[in-house]
Amino acid sequence: MIGVTREGLWDKINEYIHKFWPLFRTWNGSIPEIQIMEADHMEPILRSSVNIKKGYVYDFLHPWLGTGLLTSTGQKWFAHRKLITPTFHFKILENFQEVFVEKTQILVEKLQKEVGNSKGFDVYPYITRCALDIICETAMGTEVNAQENINSPYVDAIYDISEIIIRRMLRPWLRNDFVYSFTKDGKRYKECLEILHSFTTKVIREKKANLKNQTTQQETQHDDLGRKRRVAFLDLLLEASQGDTVLSDEDIREEVDTFMFEGHDTTSASLCWTLFLLGNYPEVQEKVFEEQASIFQDSGRQPNTQDLAEMKYLERVIKESLRLYPSVPIILRHLTEDVTVGEHTLPAGSHATLHIYHAHRNPKYFPNPEAFDPDNFLPERVQGRHPYAYVPFSAGSRNCIGQKFALLEEKTVLSAVLRRFRVRALDAPSDVRLYAELVLRPQGGIRLVIEPR
């Protein structure tokens, strides 16, 4: 697959998987890669507390993310995971709801301008900028105004660096850092790193200075204007690092940058795919709207966390969307010890590629796998299903730490959009071609037509 385009790579992956299901081996130079699609085969790898090292592809993220939760391994990963997990407690996540609502209202105002556009528009940039606004304020406690400021160097760097990393992954001859540094992409990559790291570092220093200067409870809970201070992920990290586990500024930057990367790209993809499916299945969309109407009646009030908890059908819709279009379609692991998979033993030193997208389409667990059916996640259908048949947030010890955060954010955004607009997709699922990337994207974006309700 050397030199294959990202457009062609997904087609090639599909071809091999359908031909060699459920398990086959490929080679990346001298490194064996085991391609895995079955839940039974994925379970011993995802459940392992030893084989937690990510695959070589994640090495391309190291200059940006360092060794944060996504890319670290060993004792550092265990220590940081233990430290960070409490920051995602539901009581803490409730404090982010105000941010979700505020940024979503800006999104709705932006989308209003597309009403009457019968030719349709790509919703992806709108959703991505909203998700970036949300994650920046909840992660760092600062605003980038991505939805309002289209000329932000930080926002541009976030977009560019993701694209640059993908292009490099698909071109083995650019893996040498020295050679890469002379290319156009290599030079822009360096610029992006400087912008992103300097921005995060500046915010961390300011937060640390503020924390040091806070001497009263009043100052801790309110900002300079007397408003209740919003607590960000960074604040919680800084407070946690004052205890027995002291994090360096670099440690903190790595975790914040990781949260920025994982928290906006994956969520925006999930939101866009959900709108795409609802735009193709108007009967499901109407059921979502009916549920919203039953919760809010004729009120135009914004949702609180109790409202979100009542959105049972919308939650099933989101889960089914993640089944058909998981934000992370492939998970890679470097095996540090032998693993028995069915009748096979995968040797230490090999790489396991877990194809989540295809595992979710296994008719053994989802009888009509290509259909969009939110009832796949009714309690009676979920009961008895293989626990590794549906893993959009991975599973085991390295599962996504922010999945509850993501679900609350997605419910907030979808509730606001679908209460205001009726959406129609211009492309059918059978017409959409996919990109093979770290995050599952459509070629050509997600084209919608929206009408006011």
Protein backbone atom coordinates (compact mmCIF):
# COMPACT_ATOMS: atom_id res chain seq x y z
CA MET A 1 0.00 0.00 0.00
CA ILE A 2 3.02 2.27 -0.32
CA GLY A 3 2.09 5.56 -1.94
CA VAL A 4 -1.63 4.82 -2.02
CA THR A 5 -3.86 7.88 -1.74
CA ARG A 6 -6.06 8.30 1.29
CA GLU A 7 -9.03 8.11 -1.08
CA GLY A 8 -7.88 4.74 -2.40
CA LEU A 9 -6.68 3.29 0.90
CA TRP A 10 -10.16 2.77 2.33
CA ASP A 11 -11.28 0.91 -0.79
CA LYS A 12 -8.22 -1.33 -0.58
CA ILE A 13 -8.85 -2.06 3.11
CA ASN A 14 -12.45 -2.99 2.31
CA GLU A 15 -11.37 -5.27 -0.49
CA TYR A 16 -8.94 -7.21 1.71
CA ILE A 17 -11.32 -7.45 4.66
CA HIS A 18 -14.16 -8.86 2.60
CA LYS A 19 -11.78 -11.31 0.96
CA PHE A 20 -9.94 -12.54 4.07
CA TRP A 21 -12.43 -12.06 6.94
CA PRO A 22 -12.08 -12.51 9.93
CA LEU A 23 -8.28 -12.53 10.36
CA PHE A 24 -5.29 -12.04 8.09
CA ARG A 25 -1.70 -10.87 8.17
CA THR A 26 0.00 -8.14 6.19
CA TRP A 27 3.54 -6.80 6.33
CA ASN A 28 4.82 -3.30 6.86
CA GLY A 29 8.42 -3.78 5.84
CA SER A 30 9.66 -6.44 8.27
CA ILE A 31 6.87 -5.85 10.80
CA PRO A 32 3.90 -8.26 10.72
CA GLU A 33 0.50 -6.60 11.07
CA ILE A 34 -2.47 -8.75 12.08
CA GLN A 35 -5.78 -7.44 10.74
CA ILE A 36 -8.65 -8.23 13.14
CA MET A 37 -12.41 -7.76 12.69
CA GLU A 38 -14.14 -10.21 15.06
CA ALA A 39 -15.24 -9.27 18.58
CA ASP A 40 -13.92 -12.60 19.93
CA HIS A 41 -10.50 -11.79 18.49
CA MET A 42 -10.44 -8.18 19.64
CA GLU A 43 -11.37 -8.97 23.23
CA PRO A 44 -8.07 -10.50 24.47
CA ILE A 45 -6.15 -7.53 23.04
CA LEU A 46 -8.40 -4.76 24.33
CA ARG A 47 -8.88 -6.46 27.69
CA SER A 48 -5.14 -6.92 28.25
CA SER A 49 -3.47 -4.78 30.91
CA VAL A 50 -0.08 -5.50 29.32
CA ASN A 51 -0.62 -4.91 25.60
CA ILE A 52 -1.51 -1.25 25.97
CA LYS A 53 1.18 0.21 23.72
CA LYS A 54 -0.25 2.03 20.72
CA GLY A 55 0.84 1.18 17.18
CA TYR A 56 3.62 2.94 15.28
CA VAL A 57 1.19 5.29 13.52
CA TYR A 58 0.79 7.21 16.78
CA ASP A 59 4.51 8.02 16.66
CA PHE A 60 3.61 10.74 14.16
CA LEU A 61 1.63 12.47 16.90
CA HIS A 62 4.50 12.56 19.40
CA PRO A 63 6.00 15.92 18.35
CA TRP A 64 2.61 17.54 18.98
CA LEU A 65 1.11 15.49 21.84
CA GLY A 66 4.26 14.16 23.48
CA THR A 67 3.40 11.29 25.79
CA GLY A 68 -0.08 12.24 26.93
CA LEU A 69 -2.80 9.67 27.63
CA LEU A 70 -3.29 8.87 23.94
CA THR A 71 0.34 8.03 23.17
CA SER A 72 2.01 7.16 26.48
CA THR A 73 2.50 3.67 27.86
CA GLY A 74 3.87 1.89 30.91
CA GLN A 75 4.06 3.51 34.32
CA LYS A 76 3.53 7.05 33.02
CA TRP A 77 0.26 6.04 31.38
CA PHE A 78 -1.01 4.22 34.48
CA ALA A 79 -0.08 7.13 36.77
CA HIS A 80 -1.62 9.82 34.56
CA ARG A 81 -4.77 7.80 33.88
CA LYS A 82 -5.30 7.38 37.62
CA LEU A 83 -4.73 11.09 38.18
CA ILE A 84 -6.95 12.31 35.34
CA THR A 85 -9.91 9.92 35.68
CA PRO A 86 -11.53 11.86 38.59
CA THR A 87 -11.62 15.00 36.43
CA PHE A 88 -14.25 13.29 34.27
CA HIS A 89 -16.62 12.58 37.16
CA PHE A 90 -20.21 13.42 36.19
CA LYS A 91 -20.45 16.16 38.82
CA ILE A 92 -17.51 17.90 37.21
CA LEU A 93 -18.87 17.36 33.69
CA GLU A 94 -22.09 19.09 34.76
CA ASN A 95 -20.09 22.30 35.12
CA PHE A 96 -19.31 22.22 31.40
CA GLN A 97 -22.98 22.31 30.37
CA GLU A 98 -23.04 26.10 30.33
CA VAL A 99 -20.18 26.11 27.81
CA PHE A 100 -21.89 23.48 25.65
CA VAL A 101 -25.04 25.61 25.50
CA GLU A 102 -23.27 28.91 24.88
CA LYS A 103 -21.19 27.64 21.96
CA THR A 104 -24.11 25.69 20.51
CA GLN A 105 -26.20 28.86 20.35
CA ILE A 106 -23.52 30.45 18.19
CA LEU A 107 -23.64 27.38 15.94
CA VAL A 108 -27.42 27.66 15.55
CA GLU A 109 -27.08 31.34 14.60
CA LYS A 110 -24.49 30.46 11.97
CA LEU A 111 -26.65 27.65 10.55
CA GLN A 112 -29.63 30.01 10.34
CA LYS A 113 -27.82 31.77 7.48
CA GLU A 114 -27.99 28.53 5.44
CA VAL A 115 -31.80 28.36 5.60
CA GLY A 116 -33.12 28.76 2.05
CA ASN A 117 -29.93 27.46 0.45
CA SER A 118 -31.54 24.83 -1.77
CA LYS A 119 -28.18 23.76 -3.21
CA GLY A 120 -27.09 22.62 0.22
CA PHE A 121 -23.92 23.24 2.20
CA ASP A 122 -21.20 21.28 3.96
CA VAL A 123 -22.07 21.19 7.66
CA TYR A 124 -18.66 19.79 8.64
CA PRO A 125 -16.82 23.14 9.04
CA TYR A 126 -19.64 24.56 11.15
CA ILE A 127 -19.70 21.60 13.52
CA THR A 128 -15.91 21.39 13.73
CA ARG A 129 -15.56 25.03 14.73
CA CYS A 130 -18.28 24.67 17.35
CA ALA A 131 -16.58 21.58 18.79
CA LEU A 132 -13.26 23.43 18.81
CA ASP A 133 -14.80 26.35 20.70
CA ILE A 134 -16.24 23.93 23.25
CA ILE A 135 -13.09 21.91 23.77
CA CYS A 136 -10.83 24.95 24.02
CA GLU A 137 -12.88 26.55 26.78
CA THR A 138 -13.52 23.31 28.67
CA ALA A 139 -9.93 22.12 28.32
CA MET A 140 -8.04 25.34 28.89
CA GLY A 141 -10.58 27.83 30.18
CA THR A 142 -9.82 30.21 27.35
CA GLU A 143 -11.67 31.22 24.19
CA VAL A 144 -10.43 30.93 20.62
CA ASN A 145 -13.75 32.02 19.08
CA ALA A 146 -13.31 29.61 16.18
CA GLN A 147 -16.89 30.20 15.03
CA GLU A 148 -16.46 33.97 14.90
CA ASN A 149 -12.78 34.43 14.11
CA ILE A 150 -11.95 32.80 10.79
CA ASN A 151 -8.39 34.17 10.87
CA SER A 152 -7.12 32.62 14.10
CA PRO A 153 -3.55 31.26 13.78
CA TYR A 154 -4.31 28.70 16.51
CA VAL A 155 -7.45 27.43 14.75
CA ASP A 156 -5.63 27.28 11.41
CA ALA A 157 -2.77 25.35 13.03
CA ILE A 158 -5.18 22.81 14.57
CA TYR A 159 -6.73 22.16 11.15
CA ASP A 160 -3.46 22.11 9.23
CA ILE A 161 -1.48 19.85 11.53
CA SER A 162 -4.06 17.06 11.39
CA GLU A 163 -4.06 17.10 7.59
CA ILE A 164 -0.26 17.23 7.45
CA ILE A 165 0.12 14.25 9.79
CA ILE A 166 -2.23 12.14 7.66
CA ARG A 167 -0.35 12.97 4.47
CA ARG A 168 2.93 11.99 6.10
CA MET A 169 1.51 8.68 7.36
CA LEU A 170 0.66 7.67 3.81
CA ARG A 171 4.11 8.51 2.43
CA PRO A 172 6.79 6.22 3.92
CA TRP A 173 9.58 8.13 2.22
CA LEU A 174 8.72 11.13 4.42
CA ARG A 175 9.17 9.28 7.72
CA ASN A 176 12.77 10.41 8.04
CA ASP A 177 12.65 13.60 10.13
CA PHE A 178 15.67 15.18 8.44
CA VAL A 179 14.27 14.70 4.93
CA TYR A 180 10.80 15.75 6.04
CA SER A 181 12.05 19.01 7.54
CA PHE A 182 12.96 20.30 4.04
CA THR A 183 9.52 19.66 2.53
CA LYS A 184 6.72 22.21 2.33
CA ASP A 185 4.63 20.13 4.72
CA GLY A 186 7.58 19.70 7.07
CA LYS A 187 8.09 23.45 7.31
CA ARG A 188 4.40 24.13 7.91
CA TYR A 189 4.35 21.30 10.46
CA LYS A 190 7.12 23.03 12.43
CA GLU A 191 5.20 26.33 12.30
CA CYS A 192 2.03 24.63 13.56
CA LEU A 193 3.88 22.99 16.44
CA GLU A 194 5.33 26.33 17.53
CA ILE A 195 1.89 28.00 17.42
CA LEU A 196 0.10 25.19 19.27
CA HIS A 197 2.74 24.61 21.93
CA SER A 198 3.31 28.30 22.62
CA PHE A 199 -0.44 28.90 22.96
CA THR A 200 -0.93 26.04 25.42
CA THR A 201 2.23 26.90 27.36
CA LYS A 202 1.13 30.55 27.69
CA VAL A 203 -2.29 29.51 29.03
CA ILE A 204 -0.70 27.09 31.53
CA ARG A 205 1.66 29.77 32.86
CA GLU A 206 -1.20 32.24 33.27
CA LYS A 207 -3.36 29.65 35.03
CA LYS A 208 -0.52 28.70 37.38
CA ALA A 209 0.09 32.34 38.21
CA ASN A 210 -3.61 32.89 38.91
CA LEU A 211 -3.76 29.78 41.07
CA LYS A 212 -0.76 30.96 43.05
CA ASN A 213 -2.30 34.39 43.59
CA GLN A 214 -5.66 33.06 44.75
CA THR A 215 -5.71 33.40 48.50
CA THR A 216 -9.43 33.47 49.29
CA GLN A 217 -12.40 31.27 48.46
CA GLN A 218 -14.10 34.25 46.82
CA GLU A 219 -11.19 34.71 44.43
CA THR A 220 -11.18 31.02 43.59
CA GLN A 221 -14.86 30.89 42.69
CA HIS A 222 -15.23 34.18 40.82
CA ASP A 223 -13.41 35.98 38.04
CA ASP A 224 -12.32 39.62 37.97
CA LEU A 225 -15.86 40.74 37.10
CA GLY A 226 -17.42 38.86 39.99
CA ARG A 227 -18.94 36.17 37.75
CA LYS A 228 -18.77 32.54 38.77
CA ARG A 229 -15.50 31.19 37.48
CA ARG A 230 -15.70 28.33 35.00
CA VAL A 231 -13.49 25.42 35.94
CA ALA A 232 -11.55 23.92 33.03
CA PHE A 233 -9.77 20.61 32.62
CA LEU A 234 -6.48 22.50 32.97
CA ASP A 235 -7.54 23.94 36.35
CA LEU A 236 -8.30 20.45 37.61
CA LEU A 237 -4.93 19.18 36.38
CA LEU A 238 -3.10 22.01 38.11
CA GLU A 239 -4.95 21.39 41.36
CA ALA A 240 -4.32 17.64 41.15
CA SER A 241 -0.62 18.21 40.50
CA GLN A 242 -0.30 20.09 43.80
CA GLY A 243 -0.83 16.83 45.67
CA ASP A 244 1.44 13.83 45.88
CA THR A 245 1.76 13.56 42.10
CA VAL A 246 3.52 16.64 40.76
CA LEU A 247 3.14 17.15 37.02
CA SER A 248 5.67 19.23 35.14
CA ASP A 249 4.50 21.98 32.81
CA GLU A 250 5.40 19.67 29.93
CA ASP A 251 3.28 16.85 31.38
CA ILE A 252 0.33 19.21 31.71
CA ARG A 253 0.79 20.62 28.21
CA GLU A 254 0.85 17.11 26.75
CA GLU A 255 -2.42 16.19 28.44
CA VAL A 256 -4.14 19.43 27.47
CA ASP A 257 -2.96 19.13 23.85
CA THR A 258 -4.14 15.50 23.82
CA PHE A 259 -7.55 16.53 25.09
CA MET A 260 -7.72 19.25 22.41
CA PHE A 261 -6.85 16.75 19.66
CA GLU A 262 -9.10 13.92 20.81
CA GLY A 263 -11.94 16.10 22.02
CA HIS A 264 -12.82 18.13 18.95
CA ASP A 265 -12.02 15.98 15.91
CA THR A 266 -13.78 12.82 17.08
CA THR A 267 -16.83 14.62 18.46
CA SER A 268 -17.33 16.76 15.37
CA ALA A 269 -17.12 13.64 13.19
CA SER A 270 -19.75 11.88 15.29
CA LEU A 271 -22.08 14.89 15.20
CA CYS A 272 -21.77 15.25 11.43
CA TRP A 273 -22.42 11.57 10.78
CA THR A 274 -25.47 11.68 13.06
CA LEU A 275 -26.91 14.65 11.17
CA PHE A 276 -26.13 12.86 7.91
CA LEU A 277 -28.06 9.76 8.98
CA LEU A 278 -30.98 11.77 10.36
CA GLY A 279 -31.05 13.64 7.07
CA ASN A 280 -31.44 10.31 5.29
CA TYR A 281 -34.00 8.86 7.71
CA PRO A 282 -36.70 11.52 8.25
CA GLU A 283 -38.88 9.14 10.27
CA VAL A 284 -36.08 8.74 12.83
CA GLN A 285 -35.49 12.49 12.81
CA GLU A 286 -39.16 13.09 13.62
CA LYS A 287 -38.99 10.68 16.55
CA VAL A 288 -36.02 12.65 17.88
CA PHE A 289 -38.00 15.88 17.51
CA GLU A 290 -41.04 14.37 19.25
CA GLU A 291 -38.84 13.38 22.19
CA GLN A 292 -37.46 16.92 22.34
CA ALA A 293 -40.98 18.35 22.26
CA SER A 294 -42.06 16.10 25.11
CA ILE A 295 -39.13 17.29 27.23
CA PHE A 296 -39.27 21.02 26.47
CA GLN A 297 -42.98 21.43 25.55
CA ASP A 298 -43.25 24.88 23.94
CA SER A 299 -40.37 26.27 25.96
CA GLY A 300 -37.33 27.71 24.27
CA ARG A 301 -35.17 27.14 27.33
CA GLN A 302 -31.74 25.58 27.08
CA PRO A 303 -31.15 21.98 28.21
CA ASN A 304 -29.72 21.13 31.59
CA THR A 305 -28.12 17.83 32.50
CA GLN A 306 -31.44 16.41 33.71
CA ASP A 307 -32.96 17.14 30.30
CA LEU A 308 -30.04 15.39 28.62
CA ALA A 309 -30.58 12.33 30.81
CA GLU A 310 -34.18 12.12 29.56
CA MET A 311 -33.10 12.04 25.89
CA LYS A 312 -33.16 8.25 25.70
CA TYR A 313 -34.08 7.99 22.04
CA LEU A 314 -31.52 10.59 20.98
CA GLU A 315 -28.90 8.63 22.90
CA ARG A 316 -29.80 5.49 20.95
CA VAL A 317 -29.55 7.49 17.73
CA ILE A 318 -26.05 8.68 18.65
CA LYS A 319 -24.96 5.16 19.57
CA GLU A 320 -26.30 3.74 16.31
CA SER A 321 -24.55 6.50 14.37
CA LEU A 322 -21.30 5.56 16.13
CA ARG A 323 -21.93 1.93 15.20
CA LEU A 324 -22.20 2.71 11.50
CA TYR A 325 -19.61 5.49 11.47
CA PRO A 326 -17.29 5.16 14.49
CA SER A 327 -15.21 8.31 14.84
CA VAL A 328 -12.08 6.17 15.25
CA PRO A 329 -12.51 3.37 12.68
CA ILE A 330 -9.24 1.59 13.41
CA ILE A 331 -7.25 0.97 16.61
CA LEU A 332 -3.61 -0.08 16.49
CA ARG A 333 -1.66 -1.89 19.20
CA HIS A 334 1.96 -2.95 19.41
CA LEU A 335 1.98 -6.36 21.11
CA THR A 336 4.57 -6.59 23.86
CA GLU A 337 3.66 -10.18 24.74
CA ASP A 338 2.15 -13.14 22.87
CA VAL A 339 -1.65 -13.13 22.58
CA THR A 340 -3.89 -16.10 21.83
CA VAL A 341 -6.64 -15.19 19.38
CA GLY A 342 -8.91 -18.10 18.57
CA GLU A 343 -6.66 -20.85 17.24
CA HIS A 344 -3.80 -18.45 16.55
CA THR A 345 -0.99 -17.03 18.66
CA LEU A 346 0.01 -13.49 17.78
CA PRO A 347 3.70 -13.07 18.60
CA ALA A 348 5.15 -10.28 20.69
CA GLY A 349 6.61 -7.60 18.46
CA SER A 350 3.82 -7.76 15.92
CA HIS A 351 1.18 -5.11 15.42
CA ALA A 352 -2.56 -5.67 15.77
CA THR A 353 -4.93 -3.58 13.69
CA LEU A 354 -8.46 -3.67 15.09
CA HIS A 355 -11.03 -2.71 12.46
CA ILE A 356 -13.82 -1.16 14.54
CA TYR A 357 -15.80 0.03 11.52
CA HIS A 358 -16.08 -3.49 10.15
CA ALA A 359 -16.57 -5.17 13.54
CA HIS A 360 -19.65 -2.99 14.01
CA ARG A 361 -21.11 -4.38 10.80
CA ASN A 362 -20.94 -8.02 11.83
CA PRO A 363 -24.38 -9.60 11.09
CA LYS A 364 -23.78 -12.03 13.95
CA TYR A 365 -24.43 -9.17 16.37
CA PHE A 366 -26.38 -6.74 14.19
CA PRO A 367 -28.76 -8.75 11.95
CA ASN A 368 -29.30 -5.95 9.42
CA PRO A 369 -25.87 -4.35 9.74
CA GLU A 370 -26.10 -1.67 7.02
CA ALA A 371 -29.46 -0.30 8.19
CA PHE A 372 -29.70 2.69 10.52
CA ASP A 373 -31.75 1.32 13.41
CA PRO A 374 -31.51 3.11 16.79
CA ASP A 375 -33.48 0.25 18.34
CA ASN A 376 -30.28 -1.80 18.12
CA PHE A 377 -29.58 -0.13 21.46
CA LEU A 378 -32.79 -0.94 23.25
CA PRO A 379 -31.87 -2.60 26.57
CA GLU A 380 -33.33 -5.94 25.52
CA ARG A 381 -31.20 -5.99 22.35
CA VAL A 382 -28.02 -4.91 24.10
CA GLN A 383 -28.43 -7.59 26.75
CA GLY A 384 -26.54 -10.70 25.78
CA ARG A 385 -24.62 -9.03 22.92
CA HIS A 386 -20.88 -9.66 22.91
CA PRO A 387 -19.31 -6.89 25.04
CA TYR A 388 -16.68 -6.23 22.36
CA ALA A 389 -19.09 -6.20 19.40
CA TYR A 390 -19.59 -2.46 19.84
CA VAL A 391 -16.54 -0.46 20.89
CA PRO A 392 -16.69 3.09 19.43
CA PHE A 393 -14.73 4.39 22.43
CA SER A 394 -12.39 1.38 22.48
CA ALA A 395 -12.65 -0.86 25.55
CA GLY A 396 -10.64 -2.18 28.45
CA SER A 397 -8.11 -0.12 30.36
CA ARG A 398 -7.39 2.15 27.37
CA ASN A 399 -10.97 3.06 26.65
CA CYS A 400 -11.78 6.70 25.93
CA ILE A 401 -11.71 8.66 29.16
CA GLY A 402 -13.90 11.41 27.68
CA GLN A 403 -16.85 9.37 26.38
CA LYS A 404 -19.35 10.77 28.91
CA PHE A 405 -18.17 14.28 28.09
CA ALA A 406 -18.68 13.56 24.37
CA LEU A 407 -22.20 12.20 24.87
CA LEU A 408 -23.30 15.25 26.88
CA GLU A 409 -21.84 17.59 24.28
CA GLU A 410 -23.44 15.75 21.36
CA LYS A 411 -26.86 15.66 22.99
CA THR A 412 -26.66 19.40 23.66
CA VAL A 413 -25.69 20.24 20.08
CA LEU A 414 -28.16 17.88 18.39
CA SER A 415 -31.00 18.98 20.66
CA ALA A 416 -30.48 22.63 19.72
CA VAL A 417 -30.07 21.99 16.00
CA LEU A 418 -33.02 19.60 15.64
CA ARG A 419 -35.38 21.75 17.71
CA ARG A 420 -34.65 24.64 15.37
CA PHE A 421 -34.21 22.95 11.98
CA ARG A 422 -35.36 20.05 9.86
CA VAL A 423 -32.35 18.56 8.05
CA ARG A 424 -32.16 16.73 4.74
CA ALA A 425 -29.04 15.02 3.41
CA LEU A 426 -28.15 15.46 -0.26
CA ASP A 427 -26.19 12.21 -0.41
CA ALA A 428 -27.32 8.68 0.40
CA PRO A 429 -25.14 6.40 2.56
CA SER A 430 -24.40 4.27 -0.51
CA ASP A 431 -23.01 7.32 -2.34
CA VAL A 432 -20.56 8.47 0.33
CA ARG A 433 -16.92 7.47 0.05
CA LEU A 434 -14.75 7.45 3.13
CA TYR A 435 -11.24 8.56 4.01
CA ALA A 436 -8.95 6.15 5.83
CA GLU A 437 -7.62 8.39 8.58
CA LEU A 438 -7.30 8.51 12.35
CA VAL A 439 -10.84 9.91 12.32
CA LEU A 440 -13.51 8.64 9.90
CA ARG A 441 -14.33 11.37 7.40
CA PRO A 442 -16.44 11.56 4.25
CA GLN A 443 -14.95 12.61 0.96
CA GLY A 444 -16.68 15.83 -0.05
CA GLY A 445 -18.03 16.62 3.41
CA ILE A 446 -21.58 16.23 4.73
CA ARG A 447 -23.97 18.11 2.45
CA LEU A 448 -27.25 19.16 4.02
CA VAL A 449 -30.28 21.30 3.28
CA ILE A 450 -31.94 22.78 6.37
CA GLU A 451 -35.40 24.24 6.87
CA PRO A 452 -36.82 26.04 9.90
CA ARG A 453 -39.28 24.11 12.07
